[in-house]
Amino acid sequence: MIKKILLGAFSVALFSSVHATGKPALVNIITVSNDTQPFQKVPKTVIIKTKKFKIRIDKQPNGKYLYQSWSANAKITSKPSMIISDGELIPDGSGGNYYFNFVNKGHNYQVWRNYLTDSATKAPYTLTVNDENNNEIVRQDGVVVKQ
């Protein structure tokens, strides 16, 4: 009985809006963007910690990203052991994953944001470093220290 009343009320509301506007009412329209922007909000600054490193990534005023790293036991207020500028944000698929890409002396540093994974225990970030021959020399999962 309640279902019939609710269906009747919905129908009246729907037909009333059609009559008032002359156009059919559209309910629950979802618009999907074809942009390459990730669905998740990318923080302006993120600090992550892996087994061996602390990494800070900052968005610069020019739209590029700055990579700074320290050993895992160092204080982030100390001088970084490595600084790489002009990094880029690269979307990965349509599920919100992305990575930051930095190049330094032939080595490619990537910090991956893992929103969608095949494992519930996957770390939120992964650092990979490839040498000039594209051989992976570092792969370490990381957790967020500050976002």
Protein backbone atom coordinates (compact mmCIF):
# COMPACT_ATOMS: atom_id res chain seq x y z
CA MET A 1 0.00 0.00 0.00
CA ILE A 2 2.79 2.42 0.92
CA LYS A 3 4.60 1.58 -2.33
CA LYS A 4 1.51 2.52 -4.34
CA ILE A 5 1.15 5.82 -2.48
CA LEU A 6 4.84 6.68 -2.99
CA LEU A 7 4.68 5.69 -6.67
CA GLY A 8 1.58 7.85 -7.11
CA ALA A 9 3.21 10.85 -5.38
CA PHE A 10 6.36 10.46 -7.50
CA SER A 11 4.30 10.22 -10.69
CA VAL A 12 2.29 13.35 -9.81
CA ALA A 13 5.50 15.27 -9.08
CA LEU A 14 7.09 14.07 -12.31
CA PHE A 15 4.09 14.91 -14.47
CA SER A 16 3.66 18.26 -12.72
CA SER A 17 7.21 19.24 -13.62
CA VAL A 18 6.64 18.15 -17.22
CA HIS A 19 3.50 20.25 -17.40
CA ALA A 20 5.15 23.28 -15.78
CA THR A 21 8.25 23.30 -17.97
CA GLY A 22 7.02 21.56 -21.09
CA LYS A 23 10.05 19.28 -20.83
CA PRO A 24 10.37 15.91 -19.13
CA ALA A 25 12.01 16.06 -15.73
CA LEU A 26 15.31 14.26 -15.49
CA VAL A 27 16.12 12.58 -12.23
CA ASN A 28 19.59 11.59 -10.96
CA ILE A 29 21.65 12.56 -13.96
CA ILE A 30 25.33 11.76 -13.52
CA THR A 31 27.76 13.58 -15.74
CA VAL A 32 31.10 11.93 -16.38
CA SER A 33 33.93 14.17 -17.45
CA ASN A 34 36.24 13.13 -20.25
CA ASP A 35 39.06 15.26 -18.83
CA THR A 36 42.27 13.56 -17.81
CA GLN A 37 41.99 15.07 -14.35
CA PRO A 38 41.91 12.50 -11.54
CA PHE A 39 38.68 12.09 -9.61
CA GLN A 40 40.49 12.46 -6.30
CA LYS A 41 41.72 15.81 -5.04
CA VAL A 42 45.49 16.09 -5.33
CA PRO A 43 46.98 17.74 -2.23
CA LYS A 44 49.23 20.80 -2.67
CA THR A 45 51.68 19.23 -0.24
CA VAL A 46 52.09 15.63 0.81
CA ILE A 47 54.73 14.06 3.05
CA ILE A 48 55.17 10.31 2.95
CA LYS A 49 57.50 7.92 4.70
CA THR A 50 58.87 4.72 3.20
CA LYS A 51 61.20 2.20 4.81
CA LYS A 52 64.29 4.27 3.92
CA PHE A 53 63.04 7.76 3.01
CA LYS A 54 60.85 10.70 3.95
CA ILE A 55 59.55 12.43 0.84
CA ARG A 56 57.84 15.78 0.56
CA ILE A 57 56.08 16.78 -2.67
CA ASP A 58 54.87 20.37 -3.11
CA LYS A 59 52.92 21.96 -5.93
CA GLN A 60 54.80 25.02 -7.18
CA PRO A 61 53.23 28.29 -8.42
CA ASN A 62 54.15 27.33 -12.01
CA GLY A 63 52.01 24.17 -11.75
CA LYS A 64 55.00 21.82 -11.57
CA TYR A 65 55.96 19.77 -8.50
CA LEU A 66 58.98 19.83 -6.20
CA TYR A 67 60.44 16.60 -4.74
CA GLN A 68 62.50 16.69 -1.56
CA SER A 69 63.79 13.63 0.28
CA TRP A 70 65.58 12.76 3.51
CA SER A 71 66.64 9.51 5.12
CA ALA A 72 63.80 7.93 7.10
CA ASN A 73 65.35 8.91 10.45
CA ALA A 74 66.18 12.52 9.53
CA LYS A 75 64.07 15.47 10.62
CA ILE A 76 62.14 17.09 7.81
CA THR A 77 63.28 20.49 9.06
CA SER A 78 66.88 19.57 8.18
CA LYS A 79 68.43 20.11 4.74
CA PRO A 80 67.05 17.59 2.20
CA SER A 81 69.48 15.03 0.80
CA MET A 82 67.85 15.41 -2.64
CA ILE A 83 65.78 18.10 -4.34
CA ILE A 84 64.23 17.66 -7.80
CA SER A 85 62.16 20.40 -9.42
CA ASP A 86 59.83 20.49 -12.43
CA GLY A 87 57.97 17.28 -11.64
CA GLU A 88 54.68 16.46 -13.31
CA LEU A 89 51.40 14.96 -12.15
CA ILE A 90 50.32 12.12 -14.44
CA PRO A 91 46.82 10.60 -14.15
CA ASP A 92 46.76 6.81 -14.34
CA GLY A 93 43.49 5.40 -15.60
CA SER A 94 40.02 6.63 -14.75
CA GLY A 95 39.76 5.49 -11.14
CA GLY A 96 41.68 8.31 -9.50
CA ASN A 97 45.17 6.83 -9.35
CA TYR A 98 48.00 9.11 -10.40
CA TYR A 99 51.71 9.52 -9.97
CA PHE A 100 54.25 12.29 -9.68
CA ASN A 101 57.13 11.96 -12.14
CA PHE A 102 60.58 13.51 -11.55
CA VAL A 103 63.80 13.14 -13.55
CA ASN A 104 67.25 13.59 -12.01
CA LYS A 105 70.57 12.68 -13.65
CA GLY A 106 69.00 10.04 -15.88
CA HIS A 107 67.04 8.47 -13.05
CA ASN A 108 63.27 8.53 -13.07
CA TYR A 109 61.55 8.97 -9.68
CA GLN A 110 57.85 8.20 -9.50
CA VAL A 111 55.62 8.53 -6.47
CA TRP A 112 52.38 6.65 -7.12
CA ARG A 113 49.08 7.39 -5.37
CA ASN A 114 47.22 4.09 -5.00
CA TYR A 115 43.48 4.73 -4.69
CA LEU A 116 42.29 1.70 -6.60
CA THR A 117 44.26 -1.48 -6.03
CA ASP A 118 43.70 -5.21 -6.11
CA SER A 119 44.55 -5.44 -2.41
CA ALA A 120 42.86 -3.92 0.63
CA THR A 121 46.25 -3.77 2.37
CA LYS A 122 48.05 -1.85 -0.39
CA ALA A 123 49.92 1.19 0.89
CA PRO A 124 48.52 4.60 -0.13
CA TYR A 125 51.78 5.58 -1.89
CA THR A 126 54.60 3.75 -3.67
CA LEU A 127 58.02 5.15 -4.58
CA THR A 128 59.76 3.68 -7.62
CA VAL A 129 63.13 4.71 -9.00
CA ASN A 130 64.37 3.57 -12.41
CA ASP A 131 67.90 4.04 -13.74
CA GLU A 132 68.85 5.40 -17.16
CA ASN A 133 68.21 1.95 -18.71
CA ASN A 134 64.71 1.88 -17.18
CA ASN A 135 65.69 -0.85 -14.70
CA GLU A 136 63.82 -0.55 -11.43
CA ILE A 137 66.33 0.00 -8.64
CA VAL A 138 63.98 1.06 -5.81
CA ARG A 139 60.38 0.12 -4.95
CA GLN A 140 59.10 1.06 -1.51
CA ASP A 141 55.59 1.49 -0.20
CA GLY A 142 54.88 4.61 1.81
CA VAL A 143 52.40 5.95 4.30
CA VAL A 144 51.18 9.51 4.66
CA VAL A 145 52.90 11.52 7.37
CA LYS A 146 51.14 14.79 6.55
CA GLN A 147 48.75 15.90 3.85
